[in-house]
Amino acid sequence: MEFSHVSVLLNETIDGLNIREDGIYVDGTLGGGGHAFHICERLSDKARFIGIDQDAAAISAASIRLSPYIDKIPIDIIRSNYQKIPRILQDLNVSGVDGIVLDLGVSSYQLDTPERGFSYREDAPLDMRMDQSKELTAKDIINEYSEDELTRVIRDYGEERFARNIAKHIVNARKVKVIETTFELNEIIKAAIPIRARSAGGHPSKRTFQAIRIELNRELTILEQSIDQMIDLLNSGGRICIITFHSLEDRIVKRRFRINENPCTCPPDFPKCVCGKVSKGHVVTRKPILPSEQEILENRRSKSAKLRIFEKI
């Protein structure tokens, strides 16, 4: 299947980067190269662009998408996870950058390619790996995690109120046979959720599939651990733009941006700061930027997107 992904909040992200034509920019979730293409078209031959993605299909698609600029500006396309940006920049002898973009979550290509196992609407092996070079799959989590571990994952990462019952049904089902496909898991989840709740809350598997995917790919852990490091890599005036697609991601971004803006840990009644922690910059977006009604009409998957921006001092 051809890699297809509509870049969400595209114009808002490009504007938010405040691009300098001679700057150095990093897209940590390159995907099909949508945001990257519009960054590169604004750069001169004195600039540099670095694109990173852990999905081999994305790397291939983005390389083709960015081919018009390969001979115009220095471009590095690297298969890796954005958590490794500090090491990647070190290897490229880059000490600081002027902008970083993260477009989080699962891509349209990954959702629409049945064999990747991300979608509860297609019958496929339970995979859900964003990086297919990794060995652990969703099937392993479903069949090997304990009932308590499954409950934790589904409750914390899916915000599913029937997490305990779903975990119990999974454990009971796998005693009979190994759970191997998305549709097998669908039926187990369906049986674990009361009929009245099933009819009112959209597809019954949505929250559980999200939770398993986040756990497998360590999405929230990596995000939490990476934001401060990425801000440290920004040059003065540099910006980081992060697009999230659910409240768990957005809370992390909002909190880390706020802490980097005001890291002081002194009690509020202290007359002056004595902890010595200094602000790294300011939050550009006091409230997240949301997609327009027109964008939502054209791309329903943009509906839950939120963009937050931080600028380095």
Protein backbone atom coordinates (compact mmCIF):
# COMPACT_ATOMS: atom_id res chain seq x y z
CA MET A 1 0.00 0.00 0.00
CA GLU A 2 1.22 3.50 -0.87
CA PHE A 3 2.10 5.58 2.20
CA SER A 4 -0.74 8.07 2.62
CA HIS A 5 -1.10 10.52 5.47
CA VAL A 6 -2.74 13.95 5.55
CA SER A 7 -0.66 16.33 7.67
CA VAL A 8 -2.82 17.76 10.43
CA LEU A 9 -2.67 21.45 11.41
CA LEU A 10 -0.14 21.90 8.61
CA ASN A 11 -0.30 25.69 8.13
CA GLU A 12 -0.56 26.32 11.87
CA THR A 13 2.54 24.21 12.52
CA ILE A 14 4.60 25.80 9.76
CA ASP A 15 3.61 29.29 10.95
CA GLY A 16 4.31 28.28 14.55
CA LEU A 17 7.87 27.24 13.74
CA ASN A 18 8.66 30.81 12.69
CA ILE A 19 11.08 29.37 10.11
CA ARG A 20 14.40 31.05 9.32
CA GLU A 21 15.61 30.32 5.80
CA ASP A 22 19.13 29.50 7.07
CA GLY A 23 18.01 27.53 10.12
CA ILE A 24 18.34 23.90 11.18
CA TYR A 25 15.07 22.00 11.56
CA VAL A 26 14.16 18.53 12.82
CA ASP A 27 11.00 16.56 12.16
CA GLY A 28 11.05 13.80 14.77
CA THR A 29 7.99 11.99 13.37
CA LEU A 30 8.65 12.33 9.66
CA GLY A 31 5.78 10.16 8.40
CA GLY A 32 5.16 10.73 4.70
CA GLY A 33 7.04 14.02 4.78
CA GLY A 34 4.04 16.38 4.74
CA HIS A 35 5.26 18.87 7.34
CA ALA A 36 8.83 18.29 6.19
CA PHE A 37 8.08 19.25 2.59
CA HIS A 38 6.66 22.60 3.62
CA ILE A 39 9.59 23.25 5.95
CA CYS A 40 12.13 22.47 3.24
CA GLU A 41 10.46 24.73 0.67
CA ARG A 42 11.15 27.66 3.00
CA LEU A 43 14.86 26.87 3.49
CA SER A 44 17.91 28.13 1.61
CA ASP A 45 21.07 26.20 0.77
CA LYS A 46 22.57 27.52 4.03
CA ALA A 47 19.97 25.63 6.07
CA ARG A 48 19.71 21.99 7.11
CA PHE A 49 16.83 19.57 7.58
CA ILE A 50 16.87 16.35 9.62
CA GLY A 51 13.96 13.91 9.36
CA ILE A 52 13.51 11.01 11.77
CA ASP A 53 10.99 8.16 11.82
CA GLN A 54 11.04 4.61 13.21
CA ASP A 55 8.76 3.23 10.47
CA ALA A 56 10.63 1.94 7.39
CA ALA A 57 7.62 2.67 5.14
CA ALA A 58 7.61 6.29 6.32
CA ILE A 59 11.32 6.68 5.63
CA SER A 60 10.85 5.39 2.09
CA ALA A 61 7.83 7.61 1.41
CA ALA A 62 9.40 10.74 2.89
CA SER A 63 12.62 10.22 0.91
CA ILE A 64 10.56 10.32 -2.30
CA ARG A 65 8.47 13.28 -1.12
CA LEU A 66 11.56 15.34 -0.26
CA SER A 67 13.52 14.39 -3.39
CA PRO A 68 12.97 17.84 -5.04
CA TYR A 69 15.03 19.39 -2.24
CA ILE A 70 17.81 16.81 -1.89
CA ASP A 71 20.16 18.76 -4.19
CA LYS A 72 19.10 22.17 -2.86
CA ILE A 73 19.65 21.88 0.90
CA PRO A 74 21.44 19.43 3.18
CA ILE A 75 18.89 16.79 4.18
CA ASP A 76 19.43 13.84 6.52
CA ILE A 77 16.73 11.17 6.74
CA ILE A 78 17.28 8.72 9.57
CA ARG A 79 15.37 5.68 10.74
CA SER A 80 15.18 6.00 14.51
CA ASN A 81 12.94 7.16 17.35
CA TYR A 82 12.77 10.83 18.23
CA GLN A 83 13.90 10.01 21.77
CA LYS A 84 17.36 9.62 20.23
CA ILE A 85 17.49 13.14 18.79
CA PRO A 86 20.35 14.21 21.14
CA ARG A 87 22.52 11.32 19.96
CA ILE A 88 21.54 11.78 16.31
CA LEU A 89 22.47 15.47 16.39
CA GLN A 90 25.74 14.64 18.12
CA ASP A 91 26.59 12.13 15.40
CA LEU A 92 25.80 14.80 12.77
CA ASN A 93 27.97 17.37 14.61
CA VAL A 94 24.93 19.60 15.16
CA SER A 95 25.03 21.44 18.49
CA GLY A 96 21.67 23.22 18.28
CA VAL A 97 18.58 23.54 16.10
CA ASP A 98 16.06 26.26 15.30
CA GLY A 99 12.94 24.14 15.29
CA ILE A 100 11.55 20.69 16.10
CA VAL A 101 8.23 19.17 15.02
CA LEU A 102 6.48 16.16 16.54
CA ASP A 103 3.22 14.88 15.02
CA LEU A 104 2.35 12.17 17.52
CA GLY A 105 0.16 9.10 17.35
CA VAL A 106 -0.50 6.58 14.63
CA SER A 107 -0.45 7.59 10.95
CA SER A 108 -3.27 7.12 8.45
CA TYR A 109 -1.03 4.70 6.57
CA GLN A 110 -0.54 2.55 9.66
CA LEU A 111 -4.27 2.57 10.43
CA ASP A 112 -5.26 1.80 6.84
CA THR A 113 -2.75 -1.02 6.30
CA PRO A 114 -4.60 -4.02 7.77
CA GLU A 115 -1.56 -6.23 8.27
CA ARG A 116 -0.04 -3.67 10.66
CA GLY A 117 -2.77 -4.59 13.15
CA PHE A 118 -3.48 -1.05 14.41
CA SER A 119 -7.15 -0.94 13.43
CA TYR A 120 -10.02 -2.65 15.20
CA ARG A 121 -12.01 -2.31 11.96
CA GLU A 122 -9.83 -4.75 9.98
CA ASP A 123 -9.15 -8.42 10.76
CA ALA A 124 -5.38 -8.83 11.01
CA PRO A 125 -2.64 -10.26 13.22
CA LEU A 126 -2.21 -8.40 16.51
CA ASP A 127 0.93 -6.40 15.69
CA MET A 128 0.76 -2.60 16.31
CA ARG A 129 4.52 -2.07 16.08
CA MET A 130 5.50 1.37 14.84
CA ASP A 131 9.02 0.01 14.44
CA GLN A 132 8.70 -3.39 12.79
CA SER A 133 12.30 -4.26 13.59
CA LYS A 134 11.25 -4.71 17.23
CA GLU A 135 10.30 -8.21 18.38
CA LEU A 136 7.54 -7.47 20.92
CA THR A 137 4.05 -7.22 19.40
CA ALA A 138 0.53 -6.53 20.65
CA LYS A 139 -0.07 -10.28 20.55
CA ASP A 140 2.67 -10.74 23.16
CA ILE A 141 1.12 -8.16 25.48
CA ILE A 142 -2.39 -9.62 25.13
CA ASN A 143 -1.24 -13.19 25.76
CA GLU A 144 1.55 -12.69 28.29
CA TYR A 145 0.68 -9.76 30.57
CA SER A 146 -0.98 -10.67 33.85
CA GLU A 147 -4.56 -9.64 34.56
CA ASP A 148 -3.31 -6.82 36.83
CA GLU A 149 -0.87 -5.59 34.19
CA LEU A 150 -3.54 -5.63 31.49
CA THR A 151 -5.93 -3.77 33.79
CA ARG A 152 -3.30 -1.09 34.44
CA VAL A 153 -2.54 -0.62 30.75
CA ILE A 154 -6.18 -0.49 29.61
CA ARG A 155 -7.21 1.77 32.51
CA ASP A 156 -4.26 4.19 32.41
CA TYR A 157 -3.61 4.41 28.67
CA GLY A 158 -7.13 3.82 27.37
CA GLU A 159 -9.03 5.55 30.19
CA GLU A 160 -11.42 2.61 29.91
CA ARG A 161 -13.83 2.26 32.84
CA PHE A 162 -14.34 -1.45 32.16
CA ALA A 163 -10.60 -2.15 32.16
CA ARG A 164 -10.72 -4.78 34.91
CA ASN A 165 -13.49 -6.74 33.24
CA ILE A 166 -11.82 -6.57 29.82
CA ALA A 167 -8.56 -7.83 31.32
CA LYS A 168 -10.41 -10.67 33.05
CA HIS A 169 -12.12 -11.70 29.80
CA ILE A 170 -8.77 -11.62 27.94
CA VAL A 171 -7.11 -13.86 30.51
CA ASN A 172 -10.02 -16.33 30.45
CA ALA A 173 -10.11 -16.43 26.63
CA ARG A 174 -6.40 -17.10 26.26
CA LYS A 175 -6.70 -20.12 28.55
CA VAL A 176 -8.71 -21.72 25.75
CA LYS A 177 -6.51 -20.58 22.85
CA VAL A 178 -3.90 -17.98 22.01
CA ILE A 179 -5.47 -14.65 20.99
CA GLU A 180 -3.98 -13.88 17.59
CA THR A 181 -6.08 -11.41 15.61
CA THR A 182 -7.74 -8.01 15.99
CA PHE A 183 -11.22 -9.43 15.45
CA GLU A 184 -10.66 -12.11 18.10
CA LEU A 185 -9.75 -9.36 20.54
CA ASN A 186 -12.76 -7.32 19.40
CA GLU A 187 -15.14 -10.11 20.36
CA ILE A 188 -13.53 -10.51 23.79
CA ILE A 189 -13.76 -6.77 24.49
CA LYS A 190 -17.36 -6.66 23.26
CA ALA A 191 -18.34 -9.44 25.65
CA ALA A 192 -16.70 -7.61 28.57
CA ILE A 193 -18.60 -4.33 28.12
CA PRO A 194 -22.28 -4.06 29.11
CA ILE A 195 -24.70 -3.72 26.18
CA ARG A 196 -25.92 -0.29 27.28
CA ALA A 197 -22.35 1.08 27.44
CA ARG A 198 -21.50 -0.50 24.08
CA SER A 199 -24.32 1.30 22.33
CA ALA A 200 -23.43 4.72 23.77
CA GLY A 201 -19.66 5.01 23.53
CA GLY A 202 -18.60 4.39 19.95
CA HIS A 203 -16.67 1.28 18.97
CA PRO A 204 -16.11 -0.82 22.12
CA SER A 205 -12.50 -1.63 21.19
CA LYS A 206 -11.28 1.93 20.59
CA ARG A 207 -9.90 2.62 24.06
CA THR A 208 -8.35 -0.82 24.55
CA PHE A 209 -6.59 -0.77 21.18
CA GLN A 210 -5.22 2.70 21.96
CA ALA A 211 -3.96 1.47 25.31
CA ILE A 212 -2.21 -1.61 23.93
CA ARG A 213 -0.58 0.46 21.16
CA ILE A 214 0.70 3.07 23.62
CA GLU A 215 2.09 0.40 25.94
CA LEU A 216 3.76 -1.54 23.13
CA ASN A 217 5.45 1.50 21.58
CA ARG A 218 6.16 3.22 24.93
CA GLU A 219 4.60 6.36 23.48
CA LEU A 220 3.88 8.32 26.66
CA THR A 221 7.08 7.28 28.42
CA ILE A 222 9.19 8.39 25.48
CA LEU A 223 7.31 11.69 25.17
CA GLU A 224 7.67 12.46 28.88
CA GLN A 225 11.40 11.73 28.81
CA SER A 226 12.15 13.60 25.57
CA ILE A 227 10.56 17.05 25.78
CA ASP A 228 13.09 18.62 28.16
CA GLN A 229 16.00 17.27 26.12
CA MET A 230 14.56 18.66 22.89
CA ILE A 231 14.02 22.09 24.44
CA ASP A 232 17.66 22.04 25.59
CA LEU A 233 18.73 21.46 21.97
CA LEU A 234 16.92 24.55 20.66
CA ASN A 235 18.93 27.64 19.79
CA SER A 236 17.78 30.97 21.22
CA GLY A 237 14.47 31.82 19.56
CA GLY A 238 14.05 28.24 18.40
CA ARG A 239 10.65 26.61 18.70
CA ILE A 240 9.23 23.15 19.28
CA CYS A 241 5.77 22.35 17.89
CA ILE A 242 3.99 19.23 19.17
CA ILE A 243 0.71 17.89 17.79
CA THR A 244 -1.17 15.48 20.07
CA PHE A 245 -4.27 13.39 19.44
CA HIS A 246 -5.55 12.44 22.88
CA SER A 247 -5.68 13.93 26.35
CA LEU A 248 -2.90 11.77 27.79
CA GLU A 249 -0.36 13.15 25.31
CA ASP A 250 -1.66 16.69 25.59
CA ARG A 251 -1.39 16.70 29.39
CA ILE A 252 2.26 15.67 29.21
CA VAL A 253 3.10 18.37 26.64
CA LYS A 254 1.21 21.05 28.56
CA ARG A 255 2.89 20.11 31.85
CA ARG A 256 6.44 19.86 30.48
CA PHE A 257 6.12 23.16 28.60
CA ARG A 258 4.82 24.87 31.74
CA ILE A 259 7.65 23.46 33.89
CA ASN A 260 10.27 24.57 31.36
CA GLU A 261 8.76 28.05 31.38
CA ASN A 262 8.60 28.26 35.16
CA PRO A 263 10.83 25.61 36.78
CA CYS A 264 11.01 27.33 40.19
CA THR A 265 10.25 24.92 43.05
CA CYS A 266 10.29 27.49 45.84
CA PRO A 267 7.17 27.77 48.04
CA PRO A 268 4.77 30.45 46.78
CA ASP A 269 5.25 32.58 49.93
CA PHE A 270 9.03 32.92 49.44
CA PRO A 271 9.94 36.59 48.74
CA LYS A 272 12.43 35.52 46.07
CA CYS A 273 13.60 32.39 44.29
CA VAL A 274 16.35 30.44 46.05
CA CYS A 275 16.15 27.13 44.13
CA GLY A 276 18.26 28.55 41.29
CA LYS A 277 16.16 27.04 38.52
CA VAL A 278 15.91 29.35 35.51
CA SER A 279 13.26 29.53 32.81
CA LYS A 280 14.26 28.04 29.44
CA GLY A 281 11.69 30.01 27.46
CA HIS A 282 7.98 30.65 27.16
CA VAL A 283 4.85 28.86 26.05
CA VAL A 284 3.64 30.47 22.82
CA THR A 285 0.23 28.76 22.95
CA ARG A 286 -1.57 29.47 26.23
CA LYS A 287 -4.40 27.42 24.80
CA PRO A 288 -3.79 24.69 22.22
CA ILE A 289 -4.37 25.46 18.55
CA LEU A 290 -7.22 23.33 17.19
CA PRO A 291 -8.10 22.34 13.61
CA SER A 292 -10.63 24.50 11.80
CA GLU A 293 -14.11 23.25 11.00
CA GLN A 294 -13.04 23.03 7.36
CA GLU A 295 -10.04 20.83 8.18
CA ILE A 296 -12.23 18.53 10.27
CA LEU A 297 -14.67 18.23 7.37
CA GLU A 298 -11.84 17.36 4.98
CA ASN A 299 -10.01 15.04 7.39
CA ARG A 300 -12.10 13.56 10.20
CA ARG A 301 -8.98 12.19 11.89
CA SER A 302 -7.87 15.75 12.65
CA LYS A 303 -10.81 16.29 15.03
CA SER A 304 -8.92 15.47 18.24
CA ALA A 305 -5.65 17.19 17.25
CA LYS A 306 -4.08 19.88 19.44
CA LEU A 307 -0.96 21.91 18.70
CA ARG A 308 1.20 23.42 21.45
CA ILE A 309 4.31 25.53 20.85
CA PHE A 310 7.27 26.47 23.09
CA GLU A 311 9.98 29.04 22.29
CA LYS A 312 13.49 28.90 23.76
CA ILE A 313 14.96 32.02 25.34
